Amino acid sequence: MVFFYAFFAVVQATLRFYKFGGFMLTFITAFMAVSNYSSYSNPSEVAQLQESISVAIQEQEKSFGTEETTDVYVGFKENLTTYLTELRYAKSSLLKIIGSFIALIGSVFIRRKQKIGIHLFLGGMLFGILGTFYYHSLGVSGWSLATWPILFTAVVGFFVYRKREVFT
């Protein structure tokens, strides 16, 4: 009888964790869609981002720069001026809005424990990540804008992959 109560308590805790995790996933993907809409509406924000990255590159160059690495730092600066522009930022934000919306729909299905949600979530997030790399290249500007979405997708994807047997 004690085993039954212990098993029931574990099942209840797991269900509460899934409900809370699903709610947080839905909230985060909704926030991503809204913040990307803000970036699409105000692409002039990219000037501040470009300035802060270029300052960080200059600081790194002063601290660790040698004659051999001069070309690397010049390439970083060229990448920023070429690929981190307002037009490219607005276009990549539009793709990230679409991807975040698809991921939002997927997170709703994940909350309902349906396998299609996993595919929609991963597909939407990968769409946004690939769109970021398409418009901002695989250089420093692309990686600076895609690092957090990649980490978020990897963490959620790993968790869902480990718990995939609970999905129908």
Protein backbone atom coordinates (compact mmCIF):
# COMPACT_ATOMS: atom_id res chain seq x y z
CA MET A 1 0.00 0.00 0.00
CA VAL A 2 2.88 2.37 0.81
CA PHE A 3 4.35 1.67 -2.62
CA PHE A 4 1.08 2.75 -4.24
CA TYR A 5 1.04 6.07 -2.37
CA ALA A 6 4.70 6.72 -3.19
CA PHE A 7 4.12 5.94 -6.86
CA PHE A 8 1.02 8.18 -6.92
CA ALA A 9 3.01 11.05 -5.33
CA VAL A 10 5.77 10.72 -7.93
CA VAL A 11 3.23 10.71 -10.77
CA GLN A 12 1.52 13.80 -9.36
CA ALA A 13 4.85 15.64 -8.99
CA THR A 14 5.79 14.73 -12.55
CA LEU A 15 2.47 16.00 -13.91
CA ARG A 16 2.87 19.30 -12.04
CA PHE A 17 6.42 19.64 -13.41
CA TYR A 18 5.18 19.10 -16.98
CA LYS A 19 2.39 21.62 -16.52
CA PHE A 20 4.78 24.22 -15.12
CA GLY A 21 7.48 23.46 -17.72
CA GLY A 22 4.96 23.61 -20.54
CA PHE A 23 3.61 26.90 -19.26
CA MET A 24 7.11 28.39 -19.02
CA LEU A 25 7.98 27.13 -22.51
CA THR A 26 4.84 28.75 -23.91
CA PHE A 27 5.59 31.99 -22.06
CA ILE A 28 9.21 32.10 -23.29
CA THR A 29 8.30 31.43 -26.93
CA ALA A 30 5.56 34.08 -26.78
CA PHE A 31 8.08 36.52 -25.32
CA MET A 32 10.51 35.67 -28.13
CA ALA A 33 7.86 36.40 -30.77
CA VAL A 34 6.98 39.74 -29.19
CA SER A 35 10.61 40.82 -28.72
CA ASN A 36 11.40 39.90 -32.31
CA TYR A 37 8.43 42.00 -33.42
CA SER A 38 9.93 44.87 -31.44
CA SER A 39 13.26 44.33 -33.22
CA TYR A 40 11.46 44.26 -36.58
CA SER A 41 9.62 47.50 -35.78
CA ASN A 42 12.76 49.29 -34.53
CA PRO A 43 15.75 48.05 -36.54
CA SER A 44 17.73 51.12 -35.47
CA GLU A 45 18.54 49.19 -32.25
CA VAL A 46 21.20 47.39 -34.26
CA ALA A 47 23.43 50.47 -34.12
CA GLN A 48 23.82 50.06 -30.35
CA LEU A 49 24.50 46.35 -30.77
CA GLN A 50 27.07 46.99 -33.47
CA GLU A 51 28.75 49.64 -31.33
CA SER A 52 28.98 47.41 -28.25
CA ILE A 53 30.36 44.46 -30.21
CA SER A 54 32.94 46.64 -31.95
CA VAL A 55 34.03 48.10 -28.59
CA ALA A 56 34.44 44.56 -27.22
CA ILE A 57 36.48 43.57 -30.28
CA GLN A 58 38.73 46.62 -29.87
CA GLU A 59 39.25 45.81 -26.19
CA GLN A 60 40.16 42.22 -27.07
CA GLU A 61 42.52 43.44 -29.76
CA LYS A 62 44.28 45.76 -27.30
CA SER A 63 44.57 43.04 -24.68
CA PHE A 64 45.40 39.99 -26.76
CA GLY A 65 46.22 41.27 -30.24
CA THR A 66 49.45 40.27 -31.94
CA GLU A 67 50.78 40.72 -35.44
CA GLU A 68 49.38 37.32 -36.43
CA THR A 69 45.87 38.10 -35.18
CA THR A 70 45.56 41.56 -36.73
CA ASP A 71 43.83 40.14 -39.81
CA VAL A 72 41.35 38.29 -37.61
CA TYR A 73 40.27 41.44 -35.83
CA VAL A 74 40.03 43.33 -39.11
CA GLY A 75 37.80 40.53 -40.43
CA PHE A 76 35.58 40.78 -37.35
CA LYS A 77 35.13 44.51 -37.88
CA GLU A 78 34.39 44.05 -41.59
CA ASN A 79 31.83 41.37 -40.75
CA LEU A 80 30.06 43.71 -38.37
CA THR A 81 29.86 46.59 -40.83
CA THR A 82 28.78 44.32 -43.70
CA TYR A 83 26.30 41.94 -42.06
CA LEU A 84 24.96 43.82 -39.06
CA THR A 85 22.90 46.51 -40.79
CA GLU A 86 19.38 47.75 -40.16
CA LEU A 87 17.93 46.13 -43.29
CA ARG A 88 19.47 42.73 -42.57
CA TYR A 89 18.45 42.98 -38.91
CA ALA A 90 14.84 43.75 -39.83
CA LYS A 91 14.71 40.86 -42.31
CA SER A 92 16.21 38.38 -39.87
CA SER A 93 13.83 39.62 -37.17
CA LEU A 94 10.91 38.90 -39.51
CA LEU A 95 12.14 35.34 -40.00
CA LYS A 96 12.61 34.98 -36.25
CA ILE A 97 9.02 36.19 -35.69
CA ILE A 98 7.74 33.47 -38.02
CA GLY A 99 9.95 30.85 -36.39
CA SER A 100 8.98 31.93 -32.87
CA PHE A 101 5.29 31.80 -33.78
CA ILE A 102 5.69 28.25 -35.12
CA ALA A 103 7.62 27.34 -31.94
CA LEU A 104 4.82 28.90 -29.88
CA ILE A 105 2.26 26.68 -31.57
CA GLY A 106 4.58 23.74 -30.96
CA SER A 107 4.93 24.60 -27.28
CA VAL A 108 1.14 24.57 -26.93
CA PHE A 109 1.11 21.06 -28.40
CA ILE A 110 3.98 20.06 -26.12
CA ARG A 111 1.86 21.16 -23.15
CA ARG A 112 -0.83 18.81 -24.45
CA LYS A 113 1.82 16.05 -24.75
CA GLN A 114 1.47 15.59 -28.49
CA LYS A 115 4.49 14.64 -30.57
CA ILE A 116 3.67 17.15 -33.31
CA GLY A 117 4.56 19.85 -30.79
CA ILE A 118 8.15 18.65 -30.62
CA HIS A 119 8.47 18.88 -34.39
CA LEU A 120 6.82 22.29 -34.60
CA PHE A 121 8.91 23.70 -31.77
CA LEU A 122 12.23 22.44 -33.16
CA GLY A 123 11.27 23.38 -36.72
CA GLY A 124 10.28 26.91 -35.72
CA MET A 125 13.40 27.49 -33.67
CA LEU A 126 15.68 26.08 -36.36
CA PHE A 127 13.91 28.26 -38.95
CA GLY A 128 14.75 31.35 -36.89
CA ILE A 129 18.33 30.23 -36.28
CA LEU A 130 18.98 29.45 -39.95
CA GLY A 131 17.38 32.77 -40.92
CA THR A 132 19.74 34.56 -38.56
CA PHE A 133 22.75 32.88 -40.12
CA TYR A 134 21.42 33.53 -43.63
CA TYR A 135 21.18 37.28 -43.10
CA HIS A 136 24.12 37.77 -40.73
CA SER A 137 26.59 35.13 -42.01
CA LEU A 138 28.48 32.58 -39.99
CA GLY A 139 30.78 35.30 -38.70
CA VAL A 140 30.77 37.17 -35.43
CA SER A 141 27.51 38.99 -36.17
CA GLY A 142 25.58 35.79 -36.91
CA TRP A 143 26.89 33.94 -33.90
CA SER A 144 26.31 36.88 -31.56
CA LEU A 145 22.63 36.94 -32.55
CA ALA A 146 22.08 33.17 -32.66
CA THR A 147 23.89 31.90 -29.56
CA TRP A 148 21.02 32.12 -27.07
CA PRO A 149 18.37 30.67 -29.40
CA ILE A 150 20.72 27.77 -30.15
CA LEU A 151 21.29 27.09 -26.45
CA PHE A 152 17.58 27.38 -25.66
CA THR A 153 16.66 25.02 -28.49
CA ALA A 154 19.33 22.53 -27.44
CA VAL A 155 18.21 22.48 -23.80
CA VAL A 156 14.51 22.12 -24.62
CA GLY A 157 15.23 19.61 -27.39
CA PHE A 158 17.40 17.50 -25.10
CA PHE A 159 14.79 17.52 -22.34
CA VAL A 160 11.94 16.64 -24.69
CA TYR A 161 14.04 13.95 -26.37
CA ARG A 162 14.73 12.33 -22.99
CA LYS A 163 11.04 12.44 -22.04
CA ARG A 164 9.62 11.55 -25.46
CA GLU A 165 7.86 8.40 -24.24
CA VAL A 166 5.21 10.47 -22.44
CA PHE A 167 4.10 12.06 -25.70
CA THR A 168 1.33 10.49 -27.77
